[in-house]
Amino acid sequence: MPDVQLTLTDLYPNTSAFEDLAEQSQGAMDYEMRPISATNVPCELDGLRTMFLSMHHFRPNEAQAILENAVVQRTSAMDR
């Protein structure tokens, strides 16, 4: 199994749910307690970005900003 570390982020983080998931993952999953906007992800959160069934929640200009932010930070953005 590959060594993968997931970090959950959200503009409105549900920290109690994140804590439960992190515990259940036995260390494979972590989370950010601070609000993170997909349009302006902090540089220290590098790596592949995956948005699970969420792109439809964004207006076209916001979706474009999300993809532009990924390009500027030289990372990948995917919607699954």
N, C-alpha and C. Protein backbone atom coordinates (compact mmCIF):
# COMPACT_ATOMS: atom_id res chain seq x y z
N MET A 1 0.83 -1.17 0.00
CA MET A 1 0.00 0.00 0.00
C MET A 1 0.89 1.25 0.00
N PRO A 2 0.59 2.23 -0.87
CA PRO A 2 1.43 3.43 -0.93
C PRO A 2 1.32 4.26 0.34
N ASP A 3 2.40 4.95 0.65
CA ASP A 3 2.43 5.83 1.82
C ASP A 3 1.78 7.16 1.43
N VAL A 4 0.53 7.35 1.79
CA VAL A 4 -0.23 8.53 1.41
C VAL A 4 -0.73 9.22 2.67
N GLN A 5 -0.57 10.53 2.71
CA GLN A 5 -1.07 11.33 3.82
C GLN A 5 -2.12 12.29 3.27
N LEU A 6 -3.33 12.22 3.78
CA LEU A 6 -4.41 13.11 3.37
C LEU A 6 -4.59 14.21 4.42
N THR A 7 -4.83 15.43 3.94
CA THR A 7 -5.14 16.55 4.83
C THR A 7 -6.48 17.11 4.40
N LEU A 8 -7.46 17.04 5.29
CA LEU A 8 -8.79 17.56 5.01
C LEU A 8 -8.82 19.06 5.28
N THR A 9 -9.44 19.80 4.36
CA THR A 9 -9.61 21.24 4.54
C THR A 9 -11.02 21.62 4.14
N ASP A 10 -11.47 22.77 4.63
CA ASP A 10 -12.78 23.28 4.27
C ASP A 10 -12.84 24.76 4.64
N LEU A 11 -13.65 25.51 3.92
CA LEU A 11 -13.85 26.90 4.27
C LEU A 11 -14.58 27.01 5.61
N TYR A 12 -15.41 26.03 5.87
CA TYR A 12 -16.15 25.95 7.15
C TYR A 12 -15.87 24.58 7.77
N PRO A 13 -14.67 24.39 8.34
CA PRO A 13 -14.28 23.06 8.82
C PRO A 13 -15.16 22.54 9.95
N ASN A 14 -15.57 21.30 9.80
CA ASN A 14 -16.31 20.60 10.85
C ASN A 14 -15.26 19.81 11.63
N THR A 15 -14.64 20.48 12.60
CA THR A 15 -13.49 19.88 13.27
C THR A 15 -13.83 18.61 14.02
N SER A 16 -15.03 18.50 14.56
CA SER A 16 -15.36 17.25 15.28
C SER A 16 -15.44 16.09 14.29
N ALA A 17 -15.99 16.31 13.12
CA ALA A 17 -16.04 15.25 12.10
C ALA A 17 -14.63 14.95 11.61
N PHE A 18 -13.82 15.99 11.41
CA PHE A 18 -12.43 15.80 10.97
C PHE A 18 -11.66 14.99 12.01
N GLU A 19 -11.86 15.29 13.29
CA GLU A 19 -11.17 14.56 14.36
C GLU A 19 -11.54 13.08 14.32
N ASP A 20 -12.83 12.80 14.14
CA ASP A 20 -13.28 11.40 14.06
C ASP A 20 -12.63 10.68 12.88
N LEU A 21 -12.61 11.32 11.72
CA LEU A 21 -12.01 10.70 10.54
C LEU A 21 -10.51 10.49 10.73
N ALA A 22 -9.84 11.47 11.30
CA ALA A 22 -8.40 11.33 11.54
C ALA A 22 -8.11 10.16 12.46
N GLU A 23 -8.93 10.02 13.50
CA GLU A 23 -8.76 8.90 14.43
C GLU A 23 -9.00 7.56 13.74
N GLN A 24 -10.06 7.48 12.96
CA GLN A 24 -10.40 6.24 12.25
C GLN A 24 -9.33 5.86 11.23
N SER A 25 -8.64 6.85 10.68
CA SER A 25 -7.64 6.57 9.63
C SER A 25 -6.33 6.06 10.21
N GLN A 26 -6.18 6.06 11.51
CA GLN A 26 -4.97 5.59 12.20
C GLN A 26 -3.72 6.30 11.70
N GLY A 27 -3.83 7.62 11.55
CA GLY A 27 -2.67 8.43 11.18
C GLY A 27 -2.51 8.71 9.70
N ALA A 28 -3.34 8.14 8.85
CA ALA A 28 -3.22 8.38 7.41
C ALA A 28 -3.91 9.67 6.99
N MET A 29 -4.70 10.26 7.88
CA MET A 29 -5.46 11.45 7.56
C MET A 29 -5.27 12.49 8.65
N ASP A 30 -5.10 13.72 8.21
CA ASP A 30 -4.96 14.85 9.11
C ASP A 30 -5.96 15.91 8.67
N TYR A 31 -6.03 17.03 9.36
CA TYR A 31 -6.97 18.07 8.98
C TYR A 31 -6.45 19.43 9.41
N GLU A 32 -6.98 20.45 8.76
CA GLU A 32 -6.70 21.83 9.13
C GLU A 32 -7.88 22.37 9.91
N MET A 33 -7.62 22.97 11.07
CA MET A 33 -8.69 23.56 11.87
C MET A 33 -9.08 24.96 11.36
N ARG A 34 -8.14 25.64 10.70
CA ARG A 34 -8.41 26.97 10.19
C ARG A 34 -9.18 26.89 8.87
N PRO A 35 -9.99 27.87 8.58
CA PRO A 35 -10.71 27.88 7.30
C PRO A 35 -9.73 27.98 6.13
N ILE A 36 -9.92 27.15 5.12
CA ILE A 36 -9.09 27.17 3.92
C ILE A 36 -10.01 27.35 2.71
N SER A 37 -9.77 28.39 1.94
CA SER A 37 -10.53 28.62 0.72
C SER A 37 -9.85 27.88 -0.43
N ALA A 38 -10.63 27.15 -1.20
CA ALA A 38 -10.08 26.44 -2.36
C ALA A 38 -9.55 27.39 -3.42
N THR A 39 -9.96 28.66 -3.35
CA THR A 39 -9.47 29.65 -4.31
C THR A 39 -8.14 30.25 -3.90
N ASN A 40 -7.70 29.97 -2.67
CA ASN A 40 -6.45 30.55 -2.18
C ASN A 40 -5.84 29.62 -1.13
N VAL A 41 -5.39 28.46 -1.57
CA VAL A 41 -4.81 27.47 -0.66
C VAL A 41 -3.41 27.92 -0.24
N PRO A 42 -3.11 27.91 1.05
CA PRO A 42 -1.78 28.31 1.51
C PRO A 42 -0.68 27.45 0.87
N CYS A 43 0.43 28.09 0.56
CA CYS A 43 1.54 27.41 -0.12
C CYS A 43 2.05 26.19 0.63
N GLU A 44 1.97 26.22 1.97
CA GLU A 44 2.51 25.09 2.74
C GLU A 44 1.66 23.84 2.59
N LEU A 45 0.45 23.96 2.06
CA LEU A 45 -0.40 22.79 1.79
C LEU A 45 -0.19 22.37 0.34
N ASP A 46 0.97 21.79 0.08
CA ASP A 46 1.29 21.41 -1.29
C ASP A 46 0.87 19.97 -1.57
N GLY A 47 0.89 19.60 -2.83
CA GLY A 47 0.52 18.25 -3.23
C GLY A 47 -0.74 18.25 -4.07
N LEU A 48 -1.23 17.07 -4.35
CA LEU A 48 -2.42 16.89 -5.16
C LEU A 48 -3.65 17.37 -4.41
N ARG A 49 -4.50 18.11 -5.10
CA ARG A 49 -5.76 18.59 -4.51
C ARG A 49 -6.91 17.79 -5.12
N THR A 50 -7.73 17.23 -4.28
CA THR A 50 -8.91 16.49 -4.74
C THR A 50 -10.12 17.08 -4.07
N MET A 51 -11.11 17.41 -4.88
CA MET A 51 -12.37 17.95 -4.38
C MET A 51 -13.43 16.90 -4.67
N PHE A 52 -14.02 16.37 -3.63
CA PHE A 52 -14.99 15.29 -3.80
C PHE A 52 -16.38 15.85 -4.04
N LEU A 53 -16.85 15.69 -5.28
CA LEU A 53 -18.22 16.07 -5.65
C LEU A 53 -18.59 17.48 -5.22
N SER A 54 -17.70 18.43 -5.43
CA SER A 54 -17.97 19.77 -4.89
C SER A 54 -17.90 20.89 -5.92
N MET A 55 -17.35 20.67 -7.09
CA MET A 55 -17.13 21.76 -8.04
C MET A 55 -18.45 22.44 -8.43
N HIS A 56 -19.55 21.73 -8.39
CA HIS A 56 -20.83 22.32 -8.76
C HIS A 56 -21.31 23.37 -7.75
N HIS A 57 -20.69 23.44 -6.60
CA HIS A 57 -21.06 24.43 -5.59
C HIS A 57 -20.48 25.82 -5.90
N PHE A 58 -19.55 25.88 -6.83
CA PHE A 58 -18.85 27.12 -7.11
C PHE A 58 -19.39 27.80 -8.37
N ARG A 59 -19.41 29.12 -8.33
CA ARG A 59 -19.75 29.90 -9.52
C ARG A 59 -18.60 29.77 -10.50
N PRO A 60 -18.86 30.02 -11.79
CA PRO A 60 -17.78 29.87 -12.79
C PRO A 60 -16.52 30.66 -12.45
N ASN A 61 -16.65 31.88 -11.95
CA ASN A 61 -15.45 32.65 -11.63
C ASN A 61 -14.70 32.04 -10.45
N GLU A 62 -15.42 31.44 -9.50
CA GLU A 62 -14.76 30.77 -8.37
C GLU A 62 -14.06 29.50 -8.83
N ALA A 63 -14.70 28.72 -9.71
CA ALA A 63 -14.07 27.51 -10.25
C ALA A 63 -12.80 27.87 -11.00
N GLN A 64 -12.85 28.94 -11.76
CA GLN A 64 -11.66 29.39 -12.48
C GLN A 64 -10.56 29.79 -11.50
N ALA A 65 -10.93 30.48 -10.42
CA ALA A 65 -9.94 30.89 -9.42
C ALA A 65 -9.30 29.68 -8.73
N ILE A 66 -10.09 28.64 -8.49
CA ILE A 66 -9.56 27.41 -7.88
C ILE A 66 -8.51 26.80 -8.79
N LEU A 67 -8.83 26.68 -10.08
CA LEU A 67 -7.88 26.09 -11.02
C LEU A 67 -6.66 26.98 -11.22
N GLU A 68 -6.86 28.29 -11.27
CA GLU A 68 -5.73 29.21 -11.41
C GLU A 68 -4.81 29.12 -10.21
N ASN A 69 -5.36 29.01 -9.01
CA ASN A 69 -4.55 28.89 -7.81
C ASN A 69 -3.71 27.62 -7.85
N ALA A 70 -4.28 26.54 -8.34
CA ALA A 70 -3.53 25.28 -8.46
C ALA A 70 -2.39 25.43 -9.47
N VAL A 71 -2.65 26.13 -10.57
CA VAL A 71 -1.61 26.34 -11.59
C VAL A 71 -0.49 27.21 -11.02
N VAL A 72 -0.85 28.31 -10.38
CA VAL A 72 0.14 29.22 -9.82
C VAL A 72 1.04 28.50 -8.82
N GLN A 73 0.46 27.61 -8.02
CA GLN A 73 1.23 26.88 -7.02
C GLN A 73 1.83 25.59 -7.58
N ARG A 74 1.66 25.38 -8.87
CA ARG A 74 2.25 24.23 -9.58
C ARG A 74 1.83 22.91 -8.94
N THR A 75 0.54 22.74 -8.73
CA THR A 75 -0.01 21.51 -8.19
C THR A 75 -1.13 21.07 -9.10
N SER A 76 -1.78 19.99 -8.76
CA SER A 76 -2.88 19.47 -9.56
C SER A 76 -4.18 19.62 -8.79
N ALA A 77 -5.26 19.90 -9.52
CA ALA A 77 -6.59 19.98 -8.89
C ALA A 77 -7.50 19.03 -9.64
N MET A 78 -8.24 18.22 -8.90
CA MET A 78 -9.14 17.24 -9.49
C MET A 78 -10.48 17.31 -8.77
N ASP A 79 -11.55 17.04 -9.50
CA ASP A 79 -12.87 16.90 -8.89
C ASP A 79 -13.29 15.47 -9.14
N ARG A 80 -13.55 14.73 -8.09
CA ARG A 80 -13.95 13.32 -8.22
C ARG A 80 -15.41 13.17 -8.01
